[in-house]
N, C-alpha and C. Protein backbone atom coordinates (compact mmCIF):
# COMPACT_ATOMS: atom_id res chain seq x y z
N MET A 1 84.11 133.66 17.82
CA MET A 1 83.12 134.53 17.21
C MET A 1 82.58 133.94 15.92
N GLN A 2 83.41 133.22 15.20
CA GLN A 2 82.99 132.61 13.94
C GLN A 2 81.85 131.62 14.15
N GLU A 3 81.93 130.84 15.24
CA GLU A 3 80.90 129.84 15.51
C GLU A 3 79.53 130.50 15.69
N THR A 4 79.47 131.64 16.38
CA THR A 4 78.22 132.35 16.59
C THR A 4 77.67 132.86 15.27
N ALA A 5 78.51 133.39 14.42
CA ALA A 5 78.08 133.88 13.11
C ALA A 5 77.54 132.73 12.26
N ASP A 6 78.20 131.57 12.30
CA ASP A 6 77.74 130.42 11.53
C ASP A 6 76.38 129.95 12.04
N THR A 7 76.20 129.92 13.35
CA THR A 7 74.94 129.49 13.93
C THR A 7 73.83 130.44 13.54
N THR A 8 74.08 131.74 13.59
CA THR A 8 73.10 132.74 13.21
C THR A 8 72.73 132.61 11.74
N ALA A 9 73.72 132.37 10.88
CA ALA A 9 73.47 132.22 9.45
C ALA A 9 72.63 130.98 9.17
N GLN A 10 72.82 129.92 9.96
CA GLN A 10 72.09 128.68 9.74
C GLN A 10 70.70 128.70 10.35
N ARG A 11 70.40 129.63 11.22
CA ARG A 11 69.12 129.66 11.93
C ARG A 11 67.94 129.65 10.97
N GLY A 12 68.03 130.39 9.88
CA GLY A 12 66.92 130.46 8.93
C GLY A 12 66.89 129.32 7.95
N THR A 13 67.87 128.44 7.97
CA THR A 13 67.95 127.33 7.03
C THR A 13 67.34 126.08 7.65
N ILE A 14 66.41 125.49 6.93
CA ILE A 14 65.83 124.24 7.41
C ILE A 14 66.42 123.12 6.56
N THR A 15 67.31 122.38 7.19
CA THR A 15 67.96 121.26 6.51
C THR A 15 67.04 120.04 6.57
N PRO A 16 67.35 119.01 5.81
CA PRO A 16 66.54 117.78 5.92
C PRO A 16 66.48 117.23 7.35
N LYS A 17 67.57 117.35 8.10
CA LYS A 17 67.57 116.88 9.49
C LYS A 17 66.61 117.71 10.34
N HIS A 18 66.61 119.03 10.13
CA HIS A 18 65.68 119.90 10.87
C HIS A 18 64.24 119.55 10.51
N ARG A 19 63.98 119.38 9.22
CA ARG A 19 62.62 119.08 8.75
C ARG A 19 62.12 117.77 9.36
N GLU A 20 63.01 116.76 9.39
CA GLU A 20 62.63 115.47 9.98
C GLU A 20 62.27 115.63 11.45
N LEU A 21 63.10 116.36 12.19
CA LEU A 21 62.84 116.56 13.61
C LEU A 21 61.54 117.32 13.81
N LEU A 22 61.34 118.40 13.07
CA LEU A 22 60.11 119.17 13.21
C LEU A 22 58.89 118.35 12.83
N ASP A 23 58.99 117.54 11.77
CA ASP A 23 57.89 116.65 11.40
C ASP A 23 57.55 115.70 12.52
N GLN A 24 58.55 115.19 13.20
CA GLN A 24 58.32 114.22 14.26
C GLN A 24 57.79 114.86 15.54
N VAL A 25 58.22 116.06 15.83
CA VAL A 25 57.77 116.74 17.06
C VAL A 25 56.39 117.39 16.85
N LEU A 26 56.10 117.79 15.62
CA LEU A 26 54.84 118.48 15.33
C LEU A 26 53.83 117.59 14.62
N ASP A 27 54.02 116.28 14.65
CA ASP A 27 53.10 115.40 13.93
C ASP A 27 51.75 115.33 14.63
N LYS A 28 50.89 114.51 14.10
CA LYS A 28 49.50 114.44 14.54
C LYS A 28 49.32 114.23 16.04
N TRP A 29 50.13 113.39 16.65
CA TRP A 29 49.93 113.04 18.05
C TRP A 29 50.99 113.57 19.00
N SER A 30 52.16 113.92 18.52
CA SER A 30 53.28 114.28 19.40
C SER A 30 52.98 115.47 20.30
N LEU A 31 52.38 116.51 19.76
CA LEU A 31 52.07 117.69 20.58
C LEU A 31 51.16 117.33 21.74
N GLN A 32 50.16 116.49 21.47
CA GLN A 32 49.24 116.10 22.54
C GLN A 32 49.94 115.23 23.58
N VAL A 33 50.78 114.31 23.12
CA VAL A 33 51.51 113.45 24.06
C VAL A 33 52.45 114.30 24.91
N LEU A 34 53.21 115.18 24.28
CA LEU A 34 54.13 116.04 25.02
C LEU A 34 53.38 116.94 26.00
N ASP A 35 52.25 117.48 25.57
CA ASP A 35 51.45 118.32 26.45
C ASP A 35 51.00 117.54 27.68
N GLN A 36 50.55 116.32 27.49
CA GLN A 36 50.12 115.49 28.62
C GLN A 36 51.28 115.17 29.56
N LEU A 37 52.42 114.81 28.97
CA LEU A 37 53.57 114.40 29.79
C LEU A 37 54.24 115.58 30.47
N CYS A 38 54.04 116.79 29.96
CA CYS A 38 54.56 117.97 30.67
C CYS A 38 53.82 118.17 31.98
N GLU A 39 52.59 117.68 32.05
CA GLU A 39 51.79 117.81 33.28
C GLU A 39 52.27 116.84 34.36
N ARG A 40 52.48 115.57 33.94
CA ARG A 40 52.91 114.56 34.91
C ARG A 40 53.26 113.28 34.15
N PRO A 41 54.05 112.40 34.76
CA PRO A 41 54.34 111.10 34.15
C PRO A 41 53.05 110.28 34.03
N LEU A 42 52.96 109.52 32.95
CA LEU A 42 51.77 108.71 32.73
C LEU A 42 52.14 107.33 32.20
N ARG A 43 51.33 106.36 32.53
CA ARG A 43 51.47 105.04 31.95
C ARG A 43 50.77 105.04 30.59
N PHE A 44 51.07 104.02 29.79
CA PHE A 44 50.55 103.96 28.43
C PHE A 44 49.03 104.10 28.39
N ASN A 45 48.32 103.31 29.19
CA ASN A 45 46.86 103.36 29.15
C ASN A 45 46.30 104.67 29.67
N GLU A 46 47.03 105.33 30.57
CA GLU A 46 46.60 106.66 31.02
C GLU A 46 46.70 107.66 29.87
N LEU A 47 47.75 107.53 29.07
CA LEU A 47 47.89 108.38 27.89
C LEU A 47 46.77 108.11 26.89
N ARG A 48 46.45 106.85 26.69
CA ARG A 48 45.36 106.50 25.76
C ARG A 48 44.04 107.10 26.23
N ARG A 49 43.79 107.07 27.53
CA ARG A 49 42.56 107.66 28.05
C ARG A 49 42.58 109.19 27.92
N ALA A 50 43.75 109.78 28.08
CA ALA A 50 43.88 111.24 27.96
C ALA A 50 43.71 111.71 26.53
N ILE A 51 44.06 110.85 25.57
CA ILE A 51 43.94 111.15 24.14
C ILE A 51 43.11 110.03 23.52
N PRO A 52 41.81 110.02 23.74
CA PRO A 52 41.01 108.85 23.38
C PRO A 52 40.95 108.52 21.88
N VAL A 53 41.21 109.47 21.01
CA VAL A 53 41.11 109.20 19.58
C VAL A 53 42.37 108.54 19.00
N VAL A 54 43.46 108.50 19.76
CA VAL A 54 44.69 107.90 19.26
C VAL A 54 44.59 106.37 19.37
N THR A 55 45.07 105.68 18.34
CA THR A 55 45.07 104.22 18.38
C THR A 55 46.29 103.74 19.15
N GLN A 56 46.24 102.51 19.59
CA GLN A 56 47.36 101.92 20.32
C GLN A 56 48.61 101.94 19.45
N LYS A 57 48.46 101.58 18.19
CA LYS A 57 49.59 101.54 17.26
C LYS A 57 50.21 102.94 17.08
N SER A 58 49.36 103.94 16.89
CA SER A 58 49.86 105.30 16.69
C SER A 58 50.53 105.84 17.95
N LEU A 59 49.95 105.56 19.11
CA LEU A 59 50.54 106.03 20.35
C LEU A 59 51.90 105.36 20.59
N THR A 60 51.98 104.07 20.32
CA THR A 60 53.25 103.36 20.48
C THR A 60 54.31 103.96 19.57
N ALA A 61 53.96 104.19 18.31
CA ALA A 61 54.91 104.76 17.35
C ALA A 61 55.33 106.17 17.77
N THR A 62 54.38 106.96 18.24
CA THR A 62 54.68 108.32 18.68
C THR A 62 55.63 108.32 19.87
N LEU A 63 55.34 107.48 20.85
CA LEU A 63 56.20 107.40 22.04
C LEU A 63 57.61 106.95 21.67
N ARG A 64 57.71 105.99 20.78
CA ARG A 64 59.03 105.51 20.36
C ARG A 64 59.82 106.62 19.65
N ARG A 65 59.15 107.36 18.77
CA ARG A 65 59.81 108.48 18.07
C ARG A 65 60.27 109.54 19.05
N LEU A 66 59.39 109.90 19.99
CA LEU A 66 59.75 110.93 20.96
C LEU A 66 60.87 110.46 21.89
N GLU A 67 60.86 109.18 22.23
CA GLU A 67 61.94 108.63 23.05
C GLU A 67 63.25 108.64 22.26
N ARG A 68 63.21 108.23 21.01
CA ARG A 68 64.41 108.22 20.17
C ARG A 68 65.01 109.62 20.04
N ASN A 69 64.15 110.64 19.96
CA ASN A 69 64.61 112.02 19.82
C ASN A 69 64.96 112.68 21.15
N GLY A 70 64.86 111.94 22.25
CA GLY A 70 65.27 112.47 23.55
C GLY A 70 64.23 113.34 24.24
N MET A 71 62.99 113.31 23.74
CA MET A 71 61.93 114.16 24.31
C MET A 71 61.20 113.48 25.47
N VAL A 72 61.16 112.14 25.43
CA VAL A 72 60.41 111.36 26.41
C VAL A 72 61.31 110.27 26.96
N GLU A 73 61.11 109.96 28.22
CA GLU A 73 61.84 108.85 28.84
C GLU A 73 60.86 107.75 29.18
N ARG A 74 61.26 106.52 28.92
CA ARG A 74 60.48 105.34 29.27
C ARG A 74 61.12 104.76 30.52
N VAL A 75 60.36 104.70 31.61
CA VAL A 75 60.90 104.29 32.90
C VAL A 75 60.16 103.04 33.39
N ILE A 76 60.93 102.02 33.77
CA ILE A 76 60.34 100.83 34.37
C ILE A 76 60.12 101.11 35.84
N VAL A 77 58.88 100.97 36.29
CA VAL A 77 58.53 101.20 37.68
C VAL A 77 58.48 99.84 38.37
N SER A 78 59.27 99.70 39.42
CA SER A 78 59.36 98.40 40.08
C SER A 78 58.19 98.20 41.04
N THR A 79 57.08 97.87 40.45
CA THR A 79 55.89 97.49 41.21
C THR A 79 55.58 96.05 40.85
N ARG A 80 54.63 95.48 41.47
CA ARG A 80 54.20 94.12 41.10
C ARG A 80 52.81 94.22 40.51
N PRO A 81 52.60 93.89 39.28
CA PRO A 81 53.59 93.58 38.26
C PRO A 81 54.35 94.83 37.84
N LEU A 82 55.46 94.62 37.14
CA LEU A 82 56.26 95.75 36.65
C LEU A 82 55.39 96.65 35.77
N ALA A 83 55.66 97.92 35.84
CA ALA A 83 54.90 98.87 35.04
C ALA A 83 55.87 99.76 34.27
N VAL A 84 55.40 100.31 33.17
CA VAL A 84 56.18 101.26 32.37
C VAL A 84 55.50 102.61 32.47
N GLU A 85 56.28 103.62 32.73
CA GLU A 85 55.78 104.98 32.84
C GLU A 85 56.54 105.85 31.85
N TYR A 86 55.85 106.78 31.26
CA TYR A 86 56.48 107.72 30.33
C TYR A 86 56.56 109.08 31.00
N ARG A 87 57.74 109.69 30.89
CA ARG A 87 57.98 110.99 31.50
C ARG A 87 58.59 111.93 30.47
N ILE A 88 58.33 113.19 30.68
CA ILE A 88 58.97 114.18 29.81
C ILE A 88 60.45 114.22 30.18
N ALA A 89 61.31 114.17 29.20
CA ALA A 89 62.75 114.24 29.43
C ALA A 89 63.16 115.71 29.53
N PRO A 90 64.34 115.98 30.08
CA PRO A 90 64.79 117.38 30.16
C PRO A 90 64.75 118.10 28.80
N LEU A 91 65.14 117.41 27.73
CA LEU A 91 65.09 118.03 26.40
C LEU A 91 63.65 118.31 25.99
N GLY A 92 62.76 117.40 26.29
CA GLY A 92 61.34 117.61 25.99
C GLY A 92 60.75 118.74 26.80
N ARG A 93 61.21 118.91 28.03
CA ARG A 93 60.72 119.99 28.89
C ARG A 93 61.01 121.36 28.27
N THR A 94 62.09 121.45 27.50
CA THR A 94 62.42 122.74 26.86
C THR A 94 61.36 123.14 25.84
N LEU A 95 60.50 122.21 25.43
CA LEU A 95 59.44 122.51 24.46
C LEU A 95 58.15 123.00 25.12
N GLN A 96 58.07 122.90 26.44
CA GLN A 96 56.80 123.18 27.12
C GLN A 96 56.23 124.56 26.79
N ASP A 97 57.04 125.60 26.86
CA ASP A 97 56.54 126.94 26.56
C ASP A 97 56.10 127.05 25.10
N LEU A 98 56.84 126.41 24.21
CA LEU A 98 56.48 126.44 22.79
C LEU A 98 55.16 125.70 22.54
N ILE A 99 55.00 124.55 23.18
CA ILE A 99 53.76 123.78 23.04
C ILE A 99 52.58 124.59 23.57
N ASP A 100 52.74 125.17 24.75
CA ASP A 100 51.68 125.99 25.33
C ASP A 100 51.33 127.15 24.39
N ALA A 101 52.35 127.79 23.82
CA ALA A 101 52.12 128.91 22.91
C ALA A 101 51.37 128.46 21.65
N LEU A 102 51.76 127.32 21.09
CA LEU A 102 51.06 126.81 19.90
C LEU A 102 49.61 126.45 20.20
N LEU A 103 49.38 125.80 21.33
CA LEU A 103 48.01 125.43 21.68
C LEU A 103 47.17 126.67 21.99
N ASP A 104 47.75 127.64 22.67
CA ASP A 104 47.03 128.90 22.95
C ASP A 104 46.73 129.64 21.66
N TRP A 105 47.72 129.71 20.76
CA TRP A 105 47.54 130.38 19.48
C TRP A 105 46.42 129.72 18.69
N SER A 106 46.43 128.39 18.63
CA SER A 106 45.41 127.70 17.83
C SER A 106 44.02 127.92 18.42
N ALA A 107 43.90 127.92 19.73
CA ALA A 107 42.60 128.16 20.36
C ALA A 107 42.13 129.59 20.09
N ALA A 108 43.02 130.55 20.20
CA ALA A 108 42.65 131.96 20.01
C ALA A 108 42.32 132.27 18.56
N ASN A 109 42.99 131.60 17.63
CA ASN A 109 42.84 131.95 16.22
C ASN A 109 41.96 131.00 15.41
N MET A 110 41.45 129.96 16.02
CA MET A 110 40.62 129.01 15.28
C MET A 110 39.40 129.66 14.63
N PRO A 111 38.69 130.58 15.30
CA PRO A 111 37.56 131.23 14.62
C PRO A 111 37.99 131.96 13.34
N ALA A 112 39.11 132.66 13.38
CA ALA A 112 39.60 133.37 12.18
C ALA A 112 40.00 132.38 11.09
N VAL A 113 40.60 131.27 11.47
CA VAL A 113 40.98 130.24 10.50
C VAL A 113 39.73 129.64 9.86
N GLU A 114 38.72 129.36 10.67
CA GLU A 114 37.48 128.80 10.13
C GLU A 114 36.81 129.77 9.16
N ARG A 115 36.82 131.06 9.47
CA ARG A 115 36.25 132.07 8.56
C ARG A 115 37.04 132.10 7.25
N ALA A 116 38.36 132.05 7.35
CA ALA A 116 39.20 132.06 6.15
C ALA A 116 38.93 130.82 5.30
N ARG A 117 38.78 129.68 5.93
CA ARG A 117 38.48 128.44 5.19
C ARG A 117 37.13 128.55 4.48
N GLU A 118 36.14 129.08 5.19
CA GLU A 118 34.82 129.23 4.58
C GLU A 118 34.88 130.16 3.37
N ARG A 119 35.60 131.30 3.50
CA ARG A 119 35.75 132.23 2.37
C ARG A 119 36.43 131.53 1.20
N PHE A 120 37.50 130.82 1.48
CA PHE A 120 38.25 130.12 0.44
C PHE A 120 37.37 129.08 -0.26
N ASP A 121 36.69 128.26 0.54
CA ASP A 121 35.86 127.20 -0.03
C ASP A 121 34.69 127.77 -0.84
N THR A 122 34.15 128.91 -0.42
CA THR A 122 33.06 129.55 -1.15
C THR A 122 33.56 130.11 -2.48
N GLU A 123 34.74 130.69 -2.48
CA GLU A 123 35.32 131.25 -3.70
C GLU A 123 35.70 130.17 -4.71
N GLU A 124 36.05 129.00 -4.23
CA GLU A 124 36.49 127.91 -5.11
C GLU A 124 35.33 127.32 -5.91
N VAL A 125 34.12 127.45 -5.39
CA VAL A 125 32.98 126.82 -6.06
C VAL A 125 32.53 127.61 -7.23
């Protein structure tokens, strides 16, 4: 019972480790990469085409971070020539509902956010 109480008490605490993980999962490109890979496995260039504004360097760094955190799997496909495919890992799959919720929320609330920004920017002048 003590373990459950400790976990509940820690739920509201964001430690440096939690912050690092959240920064890496919620960074500029990770949500889009995870969203794409939740749909189906993709090769690197397919991901670049799906997210055309991401640079090769940024996509490589994002995939490496997500792989290191257990969210994405890098799989060698035995074709000629050999190919690399990226797939959502089981741990990454647990984020799918959260990613969908965040993307839906942002789409639904963007007009209100834009109005708030306009009000704020007008008041600042």
